[in-house]
Amino acid sequence: MRYLKVFMTMSLVFLLCVVLPMPVYAANNDNGTETVTTNTSKEQKELDKKAEKERKQLEKAQKERAEIDELSKKALERLYEKVPSAQRVIGESYAYATLSNTGMKLGLFGSAHGRGVAINNNTGERVYMRMSEAGVGIGLGVKEYDLVFVIANEQAWNSFTKDDWKVGGSAEASANDGEDGASLEGATVIDDGLWVYQITKKGLALDASIKGTNIYPDKKLNDVKNT
């Protein structure tokens, strides 16, 4: 009988010490699993939020680029209509750029500052640009105009597209291309290896000044990469 009591006592102790805590252990394990699941869900939501933000940025950038590309196309068409020889000059140049000031708030742009694109004929690279004025615009307060730049070489390309670039001294009425002695009809020289055609609604502006105009790459628009 005494042995039986001892056995029952030991069995009870075993139940209290080993068996009964098991549900608590399971509960703790379940809580741990739930915490991991919750954390994973939060991380996924953050990833989804980031992906959605990047998608919207890309969508906006693509729309802006499309509008700028259309402005560039129209600027070239206006130039070729006024100066047919410019089409050959631009087609054979190292690179070229167009910048347009519409004089109004344009779609997604949010300001009346000039926007444009520089295109490298050798590499196909496109660099979207901005333009701001120190004065009142070319001529006598002209608000709507296009600037079409001819870029002769890599050095001029890097100078024009990599940093803020400011038009310095006064431009001459016409420019020599420095290579074969032919004149760039209607163009003005503004720097080494760099000429510009200036077009307003009235036509080619040979005597206009763009001194003080600041041109620089659109970092936000260029940094958004297509996926």
Protein backbone atom coordinates (compact mmCIF):
# COMPACT_ATOMS: atom_id res chain seq x y z
CA MET A 1 0.00 0.00 0.00
CA ARG A 2 2.82 2.34 0.90
CA TYR A 3 4.45 1.72 -2.47
CA LEU A 4 1.17 2.44 -4.21
CA LYS A 5 0.86 5.80 -2.50
CA VAL A 6 4.41 6.69 -3.47
CA PHE A 7 3.72 5.71 -7.10
CA MET A 8 0.55 7.80 -7.23
CA THR A 9 2.36 10.76 -5.68
CA MET A 10 5.16 10.52 -8.23
CA SER A 11 2.65 10.23 -11.07
CA LEU A 12 0.87 13.35 -9.87
CA VAL A 13 4.13 15.24 -9.69
CA PHE A 14 4.95 14.09 -13.21
CA LEU A 15 1.61 15.35 -14.49
CA LEU A 16 2.04 18.71 -12.77
CA CYS A 17 5.62 19.20 -13.95
CA VAL A 18 5.57 17.81 -17.47
CA VAL A 19 2.17 17.22 -18.97
CA LEU A 20 0.22 20.24 -17.75
CA PRO A 21 2.70 22.94 -18.98
CA MET A 22 2.54 21.57 -22.55
CA PRO A 23 -0.48 23.65 -23.63
CA VAL A 24 1.29 26.75 -22.35
CA TYR A 25 4.34 25.84 -24.48
CA ALA A 26 2.12 25.30 -27.49
CA ALA A 27 0.43 28.63 -26.88
CA ASN A 28 3.77 30.35 -26.66
CA ASN A 29 4.83 28.67 -29.91
CA ASP A 30 1.58 29.70 -31.56
CA ASN A 31 2.12 33.29 -30.43
CA GLY A 32 5.63 33.23 -31.84
CA THR A 33 4.38 31.96 -35.19
CA GLU A 34 1.68 34.62 -35.26
CA THR A 35 4.25 37.33 -34.53
CA VAL A 36 6.46 36.16 -37.40
CA THR A 37 3.46 36.09 -39.71
CA THR A 38 2.44 39.61 -38.66
CA ASN A 39 5.96 40.95 -39.22
CA THR A 40 6.14 39.32 -42.64
CA SER A 41 2.81 40.88 -43.56
CA LYS A 42 4.04 44.34 -42.56
CA GLU A 43 7.23 43.93 -44.58
CA GLN A 44 5.23 42.87 -47.62
CA LYS A 45 2.97 45.90 -47.27
CA GLU A 46 6.03 48.17 -47.17
CA LEU A 47 7.44 46.48 -50.27
CA ASP A 48 4.11 46.85 -52.07
CA LYS A 49 3.92 50.51 -51.06
CA LYS A 50 7.44 51.15 -52.36
CA ALA A 51 6.69 49.34 -55.63
CA GLU A 52 3.52 51.40 -56.13
CA LYS A 53 5.41 54.64 -55.51
CA GLU A 54 8.08 53.67 -58.04
CA ARG A 55 5.38 52.70 -60.56
CA LYS A 56 3.73 56.11 -60.24
CA GLN A 57 7.07 57.91 -60.56
CA LEU A 58 7.87 55.96 -63.71
CA GLU A 59 4.43 56.62 -65.16
CA LYS A 60 4.76 60.35 -64.51
CA ALA A 61 8.29 60.44 -65.95
CA GLN A 62 7.18 58.62 -69.10
CA LYS A 63 4.37 61.14 -69.64
CA GLU A 64 6.71 64.09 -69.17
CA ARG A 65 9.30 62.59 -71.52
CA ALA A 66 6.63 61.99 -74.15
CA GLU A 67 5.50 65.63 -73.92
CA ILE A 68 9.09 66.87 -74.19
CA ASP A 69 9.79 64.56 -77.14
CA GLU A 70 6.73 65.99 -78.89
CA LEU A 71 7.94 69.55 -78.22
CA SER A 72 11.33 68.59 -79.66
CA LYS A 73 9.76 67.14 -82.79
CA LYS A 74 7.72 70.30 -83.38
CA ALA A 75 10.74 72.55 -82.74
CA LEU A 76 12.73 70.70 -85.41
CA GLU A 77 9.85 70.86 -87.86
CA ARG A 78 9.61 74.64 -87.41
CA LEU A 79 13.36 74.99 -87.84
CA TYR A 80 13.51 72.85 -91.00
CA GLU A 81 10.64 74.84 -92.47
CA LYS A 82 12.58 78.09 -91.98
CA VAL A 83 16.09 76.73 -92.63
CA PRO A 84 16.01 73.53 -94.75
CA SER A 85 19.81 73.15 -94.57
CA ALA A 86 19.58 72.73 -90.79
CA GLN A 87 18.22 69.20 -91.23
CA ARG A 88 21.48 68.03 -92.80
CA VAL A 89 23.57 69.91 -90.22
CA ILE A 90 21.75 68.34 -87.28
CA GLY A 91 21.66 64.88 -88.85
CA GLU A 92 25.43 64.92 -89.37
CA SER A 93 26.36 66.54 -86.05
CA TYR A 94 27.81 64.71 -83.04
CA ALA A 95 24.68 65.62 -81.06
CA TYR A 96 21.93 68.21 -80.83
CA ALA A 97 19.43 69.56 -78.32
CA THR A 98 16.09 71.31 -78.39
CA LEU A 99 14.66 73.48 -75.63
CA SER A 100 11.23 75.06 -75.82
CA ASN A 101 9.63 77.77 -73.75
CA THR A 102 5.88 77.71 -74.26
CA GLY A 103 5.17 80.78 -72.13
CA MET A 104 2.56 78.85 -70.18
CA LYS A 105 2.14 76.08 -67.65
CA LEU A 106 2.55 72.90 -69.67
CA GLY A 107 0.75 69.75 -68.56
CA LEU A 108 2.77 67.99 -65.89
CA PHE A 109 5.63 70.46 -65.94
CA GLY A 110 4.17 72.85 -63.39
CA SER A 111 5.98 75.97 -64.63
CA ALA A 112 6.65 78.11 -67.68
CA HIS A 113 10.38 77.38 -67.66
CA GLY A 114 11.83 75.83 -70.78
CA ARG A 115 12.14 72.08 -71.07
CA GLY A 116 13.91 69.99 -73.66
CA VAL A 117 16.11 67.06 -74.55
CA ALA A 118 19.69 66.59 -75.75
CA ILE A 119 20.24 63.67 -78.13
CA ASN A 120 23.60 62.11 -78.92
CA ASN A 121 23.62 60.95 -82.54
CA ASN A 122 26.60 58.68 -81.88
CA THR A 123 25.40 56.81 -78.77
CA GLY A 124 21.64 57.37 -78.83
CA GLU A 125 21.77 58.76 -75.31
CA ARG A 126 18.96 61.15 -74.37
CA VAL A 127 19.39 63.69 -71.58
CA TYR A 128 16.35 65.69 -70.54
CA MET A 129 17.11 69.33 -69.79
CA ARG A 130 15.69 72.40 -68.09
CA MET A 131 16.20 76.05 -68.96
CA SER A 132 15.83 79.21 -66.91
CA GLU A 133 16.41 82.82 -67.92
CA ALA A 134 18.30 85.60 -66.21
CA GLY A 135 16.52 88.21 -68.33
CA VAL A 136 13.22 88.55 -70.18
CA GLY A 137 13.82 85.98 -72.89
CA ILE A 138 15.25 86.27 -76.33
CA GLY A 139 14.48 89.46 -78.21
CA LEU A 140 12.11 91.92 -76.56
CA GLY A 141 10.34 89.83 -73.97
CA VAL A 142 9.45 86.94 -76.27
CA LYS A 143 7.66 84.31 -74.19
CA GLU A 144 7.32 81.50 -76.71
CA TYR A 145 10.37 80.27 -78.56
CA ASP A 146 12.53 77.26 -79.39
CA LEU A 147 16.29 76.88 -79.11
CA VAL A 148 17.91 74.18 -81.24
CA PHE A 149 21.54 73.51 -80.41
CA VAL A 150 24.14 71.89 -82.66
CA ILE A 151 26.81 70.07 -80.64
CA ALA A 152 30.01 69.37 -82.55
CA ASN A 153 31.95 66.95 -80.36
CA GLU A 154 32.15 64.92 -77.16
CA GLN A 155 33.74 67.71 -75.17
CA ALA A 156 30.94 70.12 -76.05
CA TRP A 157 28.38 67.38 -75.28
CA ASN A 158 29.81 66.78 -71.81
CA SER A 159 29.99 70.48 -71.08
CA PHE A 160 26.38 70.97 -72.16
CA THR A 161 24.74 67.95 -70.50
CA LYS A 162 26.71 67.10 -67.35
CA ASP A 163 26.48 70.30 -65.33
CA ASP A 164 24.77 73.66 -65.16
CA TRP A 165 25.66 75.46 -68.38
CA LYS A 166 25.25 79.20 -68.78
CA VAL A 167 25.36 81.19 -72.00
CA GLY A 168 28.22 83.64 -71.64
CA GLY A 169 29.34 86.24 -74.16
CA SER A 170 27.34 87.76 -76.96
CA ALA A 171 26.54 85.55 -79.93
CA GLU A 172 27.56 86.35 -83.46
CA ALA A 173 25.02 86.71 -86.24
CA SER A 174 26.24 83.63 -88.08
CA ALA A 175 28.56 80.73 -87.40
CA ASN A 176 31.18 78.73 -89.23
CA ASP A 177 31.16 75.02 -88.46
CA GLY A 178 34.95 74.96 -88.03
CA GLU A 179 35.30 71.74 -90.00
CA ASP A 180 34.76 72.28 -93.71
CA GLY A 181 34.43 76.06 -93.81
CA ALA A 182 30.71 76.00 -94.63
CA SER A 183 28.46 78.50 -92.92
CA LEU A 184 25.68 77.28 -90.61
CA GLU A 185 22.90 79.34 -92.10
CA GLY A 186 20.81 81.02 -89.45
CA ALA A 187 22.84 79.73 -86.49
CA THR A 188 24.70 81.72 -83.84
CA VAL A 189 27.87 80.56 -82.12
CA ILE A 190 27.70 80.57 -78.33
CA ASP A 191 30.65 78.44 -77.24
CA ASP A 192 33.39 76.16 -78.53
CA GLY A 193 31.74 73.45 -80.62
CA LEU A 194 28.25 74.78 -79.88
CA TRP A 195 25.79 76.73 -82.04
CA VAL A 196 22.13 77.57 -81.65
CA TYR A 197 19.16 78.30 -83.89
CA GLN A 198 16.62 80.61 -82.23
CA ILE A 199 13.04 80.35 -83.48
CA THR A 200 10.03 82.46 -82.49
CA LYS A 201 6.50 82.54 -83.87
CA LYS A 202 7.67 85.16 -86.36
CA GLY A 203 10.53 83.01 -87.62
CA LEU A 204 14.28 82.82 -87.11
CA ALA A 205 15.66 85.31 -84.58
CA LEU A 206 19.14 86.20 -85.83
CA ASP A 207 19.66 89.24 -83.63
CA ALA A 208 18.25 87.86 -80.37
CA SER A 209 20.37 87.43 -77.29
CA ILE A 210 20.18 84.45 -74.95
CA LYS A 211 23.04 85.66 -72.77
CA GLY A 212 22.46 84.65 -69.16
CA THR A 213 20.23 81.71 -70.03
CA ASN A 214 20.96 78.78 -67.71
CA ILE A 215 20.63 75.21 -69.03
CA TYR A 216 20.99 72.14 -66.84
CA PRO A 217 20.04 68.43 -66.79
CA ASP A 218 16.70 67.48 -65.27
CA LYS A 219 18.05 65.16 -62.56
CA LYS A 220 14.68 63.83 -61.38
CA LEU A 221 13.49 63.04 -64.88
CA ASN A 222 16.78 61.44 -65.92
CA ASP A 223 17.14 59.38 -62.73
CA VAL A 224 13.85 57.54 -63.21
CA LYS A 225 14.77 54.47 -65.23
CA ASN A 226 12.43 52.46 -67.45
CA THR A 227 11.84 48.90 -66.25
